[in-house]
Amino acid sequence: MYIEKDFIKAISQSFKKYIEHGSRSTEKLKPIHNYVAQTLQKIFGDIYELHFLSDETTEMKVKGKYYDKNIDITVAKDNRPIICLGIKFVTSNYKQNANNYFENMMGETANIQSCKDLPYFQLIILRHQTPYYSKTTQRTGTKEPAKIEIIKEHDLQKYINLAYDTPHAHKPYAMGILLIELEEKTSKVEALKPNLLFDKEFAKLFESKLSVENFFVEIENYKNYIFNK
């Protein structure tokens, strides 16, 4: 169901939208969300509805334990949510905001998964070489980053720890992390293999629980579970 080269194409299209429309525009979300939604439709079939941001559809507001939330992608049946999925594509300043991203992800997940039988999946796209823009560069509007930051093992260790933790409301049902190389001038995107970036043991742990391939396998496994209930 999941085809990496098609996902990479969607990421490239999203980055082009980001450059064209700016970071605050929702246009940059549509290509990635559309690809993931199409993949989920193939997994679940036409008897399930997909709610997500596109030119034809909108996000579903899902009732959480503490607050209602518009979910990036919701698979529903008869307007009842079956699974929720959040997507994060970090284009710059990852290390500065890394803990906030992680804590927000867990908070969003806990809010939804505290409701009975509603799993939350989280998909994250990170640039291995991430530009850092200082407040000065942001204020002046220059396109040149102050520096380039490399995502290393210790930056991802918290996700490994969470993935191998026992089930809790704040732990996503499954997570997928894709590390990419992105050429800004051409928007060319390349998926990077963890075994070429990290220690052998770390890469093995990462691939086992956090690869995008495993992410969609976990979604399909959950679909089979609810089909056979």
C-alpha atoms as a PDB file:
ATOM      1  CA  MET A   1       0.000   0.000   0.000  1.00  0.00           C
ATOM      2  CA  TYR A   2       2.766   2.443   0.985  1.00  0.00           C
ATOM      3  CA  ILE A   3       5.065   3.421  -1.883  1.00  0.00           C
ATOM      4  CA  GLU A   4       8.059   5.459  -0.771  1.00  0.00           C
ATOM      5  CA  LYS A   5       8.729   7.186  -4.094  1.00  0.00           C
ATOM      6  CA  ASP A   6       5.142   8.490  -4.190  1.00  0.00           C
ATOM      7  CA  PHE A   7       5.444   9.757  -0.624  1.00  0.00           C
ATOM      8  CA  ILE A   8       8.714  11.490  -1.520  1.00  0.00           C
ATOM      9  CA  LYS A   9       6.993  13.154  -4.477  1.00  0.00           C
ATOM     10  CA  ALA A  10       4.235  14.430  -2.170  1.00  0.00           C
ATOM     11  CA  ILE A  11       6.813  15.830   0.272  1.00  0.00           C
ATOM     12  CA  SER A  12       8.549  17.647  -2.583  1.00  0.00           C
ATOM     13  CA  GLN A  13       5.235  19.124  -3.712  1.00  0.00           C
ATOM     14  CA  SER A  14       4.480  20.223  -0.150  1.00  0.00           C
ATOM     15  CA  PHE A  15       7.832  21.966   0.126  1.00  0.00           C
ATOM     16  CA  LYS A  16       7.171  23.816  -3.134  1.00  0.00           C
ATOM     17  CA  LYS A  17       3.847  24.989  -1.663  1.00  0.00           C
ATOM     18  CA  TYR A  18       5.672  26.035   1.500  1.00  0.00           C
ATOM     19  CA  ILE A  19       8.092  28.162  -0.529  1.00  0.00           C
ATOM     20  CA  GLU A  20       5.305  29.605  -2.672  1.00  0.00           C
ATOM     21  CA  HIS A  21       2.698  30.343   0.010  1.00  0.00           C
ATOM     22  CA  GLY A  22       4.723  30.661   3.221  1.00  0.00           C
ATOM     23  CA  SER A  23       4.809  28.760   6.487  1.00  0.00           C
ATOM     24  CA  ARG A  24       1.395  29.951   7.700  1.00  0.00           C
ATOM     25  CA  SER A  25      -0.530  28.767   4.653  1.00  0.00           C
ATOM     26  CA  THR A  26      -2.397  25.460   4.815  1.00  0.00           C
ATOM     27  CA  GLU A  27      -1.566  24.878   1.127  1.00  0.00           C
ATOM     28  CA  LYS A  28       1.735  23.276   2.133  1.00  0.00           C
ATOM     29  CA  LEU A  29      -0.142  20.530   3.994  1.00  0.00           C
ATOM     30  CA  LYS A  30      -2.323  19.332   1.153  1.00  0.00           C
ATOM     31  CA  PRO A  31       0.038  17.167  -0.967  1.00  0.00           C
ATOM     32  CA  ILE A  32       1.307  15.141   2.021  1.00  0.00           C
ATOM     33  CA  HIS A  33      -2.123  14.809   3.600  1.00  0.00           C
ATOM     34  CA  ASN A  34      -3.611  13.793   0.267  1.00  0.00           C
ATOM     35  CA  TYR A  35      -1.016  11.054  -0.271  1.00  0.00           C
ATOM     36  CA  VAL A  36      -1.454   9.629   3.237  1.00  0.00           C
ATOM     37  CA  ALA A  37      -5.250   9.784   2.942  1.00  0.00           C
ATOM     38  CA  GLN A  38      -5.167   7.939  -0.395  1.00  0.00           C
ATOM     39  CA  THR A  39      -2.973   5.254   1.159  1.00  0.00           C
ATOM     40  CA  LEU A  40      -5.387   4.887   4.076  1.00  0.00           C
ATOM     41  CA  GLN A  41      -8.322   4.643   1.665  1.00  0.00           C
ATOM     42  CA  LYS A  42      -6.604   1.713  -0.056  1.00  0.00           C
ATOM     43  CA  ILE A  43      -6.030   0.036   3.306  1.00  0.00           C
ATOM     44  CA  PHE A  44      -9.546   0.513   4.687  1.00  0.00           C
ATOM     45  CA  GLY A  45     -11.586   0.426   1.505  1.00  0.00           C
ATOM     46  CA  ASP A  46     -14.405   2.592   0.207  1.00  0.00           C
ATOM     47  CA  ILE A  47     -16.846   1.781   3.020  1.00  0.00           C
ATOM     48  CA  TYR A  48     -14.776   4.085   5.237  1.00  0.00           C
ATOM     49  CA  GLU A  49     -14.688   7.872   4.917  1.00  0.00           C
ATOM     50  CA  LEU A  50     -11.502   9.942   4.952  1.00  0.00           C
ATOM     51  CA  HIS A  51     -11.582  13.392   6.535  1.00  0.00           C
ATOM     52  CA  PHE A  52      -8.585  15.632   5.844  1.00  0.00           C
ATOM     53  CA  LEU A  53      -7.670  19.046   4.490  1.00  0.00           C
ATOM     54  CA  SER A  54      -7.953  19.194   0.703  1.00  0.00           C
ATOM     55  CA  ASP A  55      -9.776  21.148  -1.984  1.00  0.00           C
ATOM     56  CA  GLU A  56     -12.737  18.759  -1.671  1.00  0.00           C
ATOM     57  CA  THR A  57     -12.702  17.630   1.973  1.00  0.00           C
ATOM     58  CA  THR A  58     -12.182  19.062   5.444  1.00  0.00           C
ATOM     59  CA  GLU A  59     -10.712  17.855   8.711  1.00  0.00           C
ATOM     60  CA  MET A  60     -12.955  16.192  11.266  1.00  0.00           C
ATOM     61  CA  LYS A  61     -13.313  17.711  14.712  1.00  0.00           C
ATOM     62  CA  VAL A  62     -12.967  14.781  17.105  1.00  0.00           C
ATOM     63  CA  LYS A  63     -14.161  14.816  20.692  1.00  0.00           C
ATOM     64  CA  GLY A  64     -11.250  14.295  23.070  1.00  0.00           C
ATOM     65  CA  LYS A  65     -11.246  13.695  26.785  1.00  0.00           C
ATOM     66  CA  TYR A  66     -10.183  17.266  27.563  1.00  0.00           C
ATOM     67  CA  TYR A  67     -10.918  19.238  24.384  1.00  0.00           C
ATOM     68  CA  ASP A  68     -12.221  18.757  20.859  1.00  0.00           C
ATOM     69  CA  LYS A  69      -9.587  18.801  18.127  1.00  0.00           C
ATOM     70  CA  ASN A  70      -9.439  19.072  14.350  1.00  0.00           C
ATOM     71  CA  ILE A  71      -7.445  15.994  13.347  1.00  0.00           C
ATOM     72  CA  ASP A  72      -5.090  16.027  10.361  1.00  0.00           C
ATOM     73  CA  ILE A  73      -6.536  12.788   8.967  1.00  0.00           C
ATOM     74  CA  THR A  74      -9.433  10.768  10.355  1.00  0.00           C
ATOM     75  CA  VAL A  75     -10.704   7.436   9.084  1.00  0.00           C
ATOM     76  CA  ALA A  76     -14.405   7.239   9.933  1.00  0.00           C
ATOM     77  CA  LYS A  77     -17.434   5.053   9.381  1.00  0.00           C
ATOM     78  CA  ASP A  78     -20.923   6.531   9.488  1.00  0.00           C
ATOM     79  CA  ASN A  79     -19.256   9.737  10.701  1.00  0.00           C
ATOM     80  CA  ARG A  80     -17.744   7.936  13.708  1.00  0.00           C
ATOM     81  CA  PRO A  81     -13.938   8.176  13.966  1.00  0.00           C
ATOM     82  CA  ILE A  82     -12.112   4.845  13.717  1.00  0.00           C
ATOM     83  CA  ILE A  83      -8.498   6.047  13.749  1.00  0.00           C
ATOM     84  CA  CYS A  84      -6.842   9.459  13.998  1.00  0.00           C
ATOM     85  CA  LEU A  85      -3.544  10.398  12.407  1.00  0.00           C
ATOM     86  CA  GLY A  86      -1.329  13.426  12.970  1.00  0.00           C
ATOM     87  CA  ILE A  87       1.373  14.617  10.563  1.00  0.00           C
ATOM     88  CA  LYS A  88       4.342  16.874  11.290  1.00  0.00           C
ATOM     89  CA  PHE A  89       6.730  18.124   8.586  1.00  0.00           C
ATOM     90  CA  VAL A  90       9.531  20.140  10.184  1.00  0.00           C
ATOM     91  CA  THR A  91      11.242  22.419   7.672  1.00  0.00           C
ATOM     92  CA  SER A  92      13.569  24.402   9.978  1.00  0.00           C
ATOM     93  CA  ASN A  93      14.716  25.057  13.580  1.00  0.00           C
ATOM     94  CA  TYR A  94      14.025  21.493  14.712  1.00  0.00           C
ATOM     95  CA  LYS A  95      16.425  21.355  17.656  1.00  0.00           C
ATOM     96  CA  GLN A  96      15.166  24.632  19.091  1.00  0.00           C
ATOM     97  CA  ASN A  97      11.616  23.271  19.181  1.00  0.00           C
ATOM     98  CA  ALA A  98      12.283  19.527  19.562  1.00  0.00           C
ATOM     99  CA  ASN A  99      10.984  19.175  23.122  1.00  0.00           C
ATOM    100  CA  ASN A 100       7.882  21.229  22.333  1.00  0.00           C
ATOM    101  CA  TYR A 101       7.125  19.030  19.313  1.00  0.00           C
ATOM    102  CA  PHE A 102       7.510  15.901  21.430  1.00  0.00           C
ATOM    103  CA  GLU A 103       5.441  17.158  24.355  1.00  0.00           C
ATOM    104  CA  ASN A 104       2.687  18.489  22.091  1.00  0.00           C
ATOM    105  CA  MET A 105       2.544  15.153  20.270  1.00  0.00           C
ATOM    106  CA  MET A 106       2.103  13.267  23.537  1.00  0.00           C
ATOM    107  CA  GLY A 107      -0.524  15.735  24.769  1.00  0.00           C
ATOM    108  CA  GLU A 108      -2.561  15.500  21.568  1.00  0.00           C
ATOM    109  CA  THR A 109      -2.290  11.724  21.637  1.00  0.00           C
ATOM    110  CA  ALA A 110      -3.378  11.431  25.271  1.00  0.00           C
ATOM    111  CA  ASN A 111      -6.378  13.689  24.676  1.00  0.00           C
ATOM    112  CA  ILE A 112      -7.663  11.413  21.892  1.00  0.00           C
ATOM    113  CA  GLN A 113      -6.559   7.994  23.123  1.00  0.00           C
ATOM    114  CA  SER A 114      -8.068   8.567  26.563  1.00  0.00           C
ATOM    115  CA  CYS A 115     -11.342   8.028  24.716  1.00  0.00           C
ATOM    116  CA  LYS A 116     -12.106   4.330  24.416  1.00  0.00           C
ATOM    117  CA  ASP A 117     -10.987   2.425  21.302  1.00  0.00           C
ATOM    118  CA  LEU A 118      -9.700   5.404  19.338  1.00  0.00           C
ATOM    119  CA  PRO A 119      -6.033   5.020  18.359  1.00  0.00           C
ATOM    120  CA  TYR A 120      -3.852   7.963  17.386  1.00  0.00           C
ATOM    121  CA  PHE A 121      -1.034   7.440  14.866  1.00  0.00           C
ATOM    122  CA  GLN A 122       1.743  10.006  14.436  1.00  0.00           C
ATOM    123  CA  LEU A 123       3.792  10.521  11.253  1.00  0.00           C
ATOM    124  CA  ILE A 124       6.836  12.819  11.354  1.00  0.00           C
ATOM    125  CA  ILE A 125       9.052  14.082   8.526  1.00  0.00           C
ATOM    126  CA  LEU A 126      12.445  15.505   9.505  1.00  0.00           C
ATOM    127  CA  ARG A 127      15.258  17.021   7.484  1.00  0.00           C
ATOM    128  CA  HIS A 128      18.541  15.332   8.395  1.00  0.00           C
ATOM    129  CA  GLN A 129      20.306  18.611   7.673  1.00  0.00           C
ATOM    130  CA  THR A 130      17.942  21.189   9.115  1.00  0.00           C
ATOM    131  CA  PRO A 131      18.414  24.926   8.552  1.00  0.00           C
ATOM    132  CA  TYR A 132      18.308  27.122  11.629  1.00  0.00           C
ATOM    133  CA  TYR A 133      16.995  30.651  11.193  1.00  0.00           C
ATOM    134  CA  SER A 134      17.778  33.055  14.017  1.00  0.00           C
ATOM    135  CA  LYS A 135      15.363  35.771  15.109  1.00  0.00           C
ATOM    136  CA  THR A 136      17.505  38.226  13.182  1.00  0.00           C
ATOM    137  CA  THR A 137      17.209  36.306   9.914  1.00  0.00           C
ATOM    138  CA  GLN A 138      13.474  35.811  10.475  1.00  0.00           C
ATOM    139  CA  ARG A 139      13.003  39.516  11.157  1.00  0.00           C
ATOM    140  CA  THR A 140      15.033  40.693   8.171  1.00  0.00           C
ATOM    141  CA  GLY A 141      13.481  38.142   5.826  1.00  0.00           C
ATOM    142  CA  THR A 142      16.793  36.767   4.596  1.00  0.00           C
ATOM    143  CA  LYS A 143      16.625  33.264   3.151  1.00  0.00           C
ATOM    144  CA  GLU A 144      20.084  32.292   4.340  1.00  0.00           C
ATOM    145  CA  PRO A 145      20.057  30.180   7.538  1.00  0.00           C
ATOM    146  CA  ALA A 146      22.311  31.120  10.427  1.00  0.00           C
ATOM    147  CA  LYS A 147      23.562  27.515  10.487  1.00  0.00           C
ATOM    148  CA  ILE A 148      22.741  23.951   9.482  1.00  0.00           C
ATOM    149  CA  GLU A 149      21.928  21.483  12.257  1.00  0.00           C
ATOM    150  CA  ILE A 150      22.386  17.734  11.843  1.00  0.00           C
ATOM    151  CA  ILE A 151      19.832  15.416  13.420  1.00  0.00           C
ATOM    152  CA  LYS A 152      21.711  12.808  15.410  1.00  0.00           C
ATOM    153  CA  GLU A 153      20.846   9.776  17.493  1.00  0.00           C
ATOM    154  CA  HIS A 154      20.361  11.723  20.709  1.00  0.00           C
ATOM    155  CA  ASP A 155      17.783  13.935  18.963  1.00  0.00           C
ATOM    156  CA  LEU A 156      15.673  10.857  18.200  1.00  0.00           C
ATOM    157  CA  GLN A 157      16.329   8.846  21.356  1.00  0.00           C
ATOM    158  CA  LYS A 158      13.165  10.152  23.040  1.00  0.00           C
ATOM    159  CA  TYR A 159      11.091   8.688  20.197  1.00  0.00           C
ATOM    160  CA  ILE A 160      12.864   5.345  20.529  1.00  0.00           C
ATOM    161  CA  ASN A 161      12.183   5.379  24.275  1.00  0.00           C
ATOM    162  CA  LEU A 162       8.507   6.143  23.692  1.00  0.00           C
ATOM    163  CA  ALA A 163       8.114   3.556  20.933  1.00  0.00           C
ATOM    164  CA  TYR A 164       9.439   0.785  23.189  1.00  0.00           C
ATOM    165  CA  ASP A 165       7.542   1.932  26.286  1.00  0.00           C
ATOM    166  CA  THR A 166       4.518   0.063  27.607  1.00  0.00           C
ATOM    167  CA  PRO A 167       1.126   1.296  26.331  1.00  0.00           C
ATOM    168  CA  HIS A 168      -0.109   4.555  27.839  1.00  0.00           C
ATOM    169  CA  ALA A 169      -2.643   7.135  26.693  1.00  0.00           C
ATOM    170  CA  HIS A 170       0.194   9.491  25.699  1.00  0.00           C
ATOM    171  CA  LYS A 171       2.005   6.868  23.608  1.00  0.00           C
ATOM    172  CA  PRO A 172       0.815   6.865  19.974  1.00  0.00           C
ATOM    173  CA  TYR A 173      -0.547   3.558  18.732  1.00  0.00           C
ATOM    174  CA  ALA A 174       2.294   3.711  16.207  1.00  0.00           C
ATOM    175  CA  MET A 175       4.796   6.319  15.039  1.00  0.00           C
ATOM    176  CA  GLY A 176       6.608   6.723  11.757  1.00  0.00           C
ATOM    177  CA  ILE A 177       9.619   8.982  11.227  1.00  0.00           C
ATOM    178  CA  LEU A 178      11.079   9.694   7.806  1.00  0.00           C
ATOM    179  CA  LEU A 179      14.484  11.350   7.580  1.00  0.00           C
ATOM    180  CA  ILE A 180      15.044  13.201   4.340  1.00  0.00           C
ATOM    181  CA  GLU A 181      17.617  15.229   2.466  1.00  0.00           C
ATOM    182  CA  LEU A 182      16.033  18.238   0.796  1.00  0.00           C
ATOM    183  CA  GLU A 183      17.555  20.488  -1.835  1.00  0.00           C
ATOM    184  CA  GLU A 184      15.857  23.847  -1.339  1.00  0.00           C
ATOM    185  CA  LYS A 185      16.535  25.304  -4.792  1.00  0.00           C
ATOM    186  CA  THR A 186      14.983  22.366  -6.641  1.00  0.00           C
ATOM    187  CA  SER A 187      12.739  20.917  -3.879  1.00  0.00           C
ATOM    188  CA  LYS A 188      14.338  17.549  -4.620  1.00  0.00           C
ATOM    189  CA  VAL A 189      13.756  15.116  -1.746  1.00  0.00           C
ATOM    190  CA  GLU A 190      15.676  11.951  -0.927  1.00  0.00           C
ATOM    191  CA  ALA A 191      14.709   9.442   1.762  1.00  0.00           C
ATOM    192  CA  LEU A 192      17.655   8.511   3.970  1.00  0.00           C
ATOM    193  CA  LYS A 193      18.331   5.078   5.423  1.00  0.00           C
ATOM    194  CA  PRO A 194      18.966   5.003   9.199  1.00  0.00           C
ATOM    195  CA  ASN A 195      21.624   2.287   8.824  1.00  0.00           C
ATOM    196  CA  LEU A 196      23.718   4.752   6.797  1.00  0.00           C
ATOM    197  CA  LEU A 197      23.339   7.524   9.384  1.00  0.00           C
ATOM    198  CA  PHE A 198      23.398   5.895  12.794  1.00  0.00           C
ATOM    199  CA  ASP A 199      25.005   3.185  14.869  1.00  0.00           C
ATOM    200  CA  LYS A 200      23.976  -0.315  13.796  1.00  0.00           C
ATOM    201  CA  GLU A 201      22.007  -1.110  16.966  1.00  0.00           C
ATOM    202  CA  PHE A 202      20.234   2.263  17.013  1.00  0.00           C
ATOM    203  CA  ALA A 203      19.329   1.923  13.338  1.00  0.00           C
ATOM    204  CA  LYS A 204      17.900  -1.535  14.012  1.00  0.00           C
ATOM    205  CA  LEU A 205      15.701  -0.211  16.830  1.00  0.00           C
ATOM    206  CA  PHE A 206      14.614   2.699  14.649  1.00  0.00           C
ATOM    207  CA  GLU A 207      13.715   0.545  11.650  1.00  0.00           C
ATOM    208  CA  SER A 208      11.813  -1.936  13.794  1.00  0.00           C
ATOM    209  CA  LYS A 209       9.463   0.587  15.421  1.00  0.00           C
ATOM    210  CA  LEU A 210       9.748   3.956  13.673  1.00  0.00           C
ATOM    211  CA  SER A 211      10.105   3.280   9.954  1.00  0.00           C
ATOM    212  CA  VAL A 212       7.297   4.545   7.738  1.00  0.00           C
ATOM    213  CA  GLU A 213       6.942   1.043   6.299  1.00  0.00           C
ATOM    214  CA  ASN A 214       6.248  -0.328   9.777  1.00  0.00           C
ATOM    215  CA  PHE A 215       3.907   2.604  10.465  1.00  0.00           C
ATOM    216  CA  PHE A 216       1.576   1.603   7.647  1.00  0.00           C
ATOM    217  CA  VAL A 217       1.890  -2.086   8.549  1.00  0.00           C
ATOM    218  CA  GLU A 218       0.649  -1.203  12.045  1.00  0.00           C
ATOM    219  CA  ILE A 219      -2.290   0.674  10.545  1.00  0.00           C
ATOM    220  CA  GLU A 220      -3.151  -2.313   8.370  1.00  0.00           C
ATOM    221  CA  ASN A 221      -2.841  -4.637  11.363  1.00  0.00           C
ATOM    222  CA  TYR A 222      -5.272  -2.440  13.290  1.00  0.00           C
ATOM    223  CA  LYS A 223      -7.675  -2.481  10.351  1.00  0.00           C
ATOM    224  CA  ASN A 224      -7.565  -6.289  10.305  1.00  0.00           C
ATOM    225  CA  TYR A 225      -8.167  -6.328  14.063  1.00  0.00           C
ATOM    226  CA  ILE A 226     -11.333  -4.228  13.875  1.00  0.00           C
ATOM    227  CA  PHE A 227     -12.555  -6.144  10.815  1.00  0.00           C
ATOM    228  CA  ASN A 228     -12.305  -9.404  12.750  1.00  0.00           C
ATOM    229  CA  LYS A 229     -13.842  -8.186  16.002  1.00  0.00           C
END
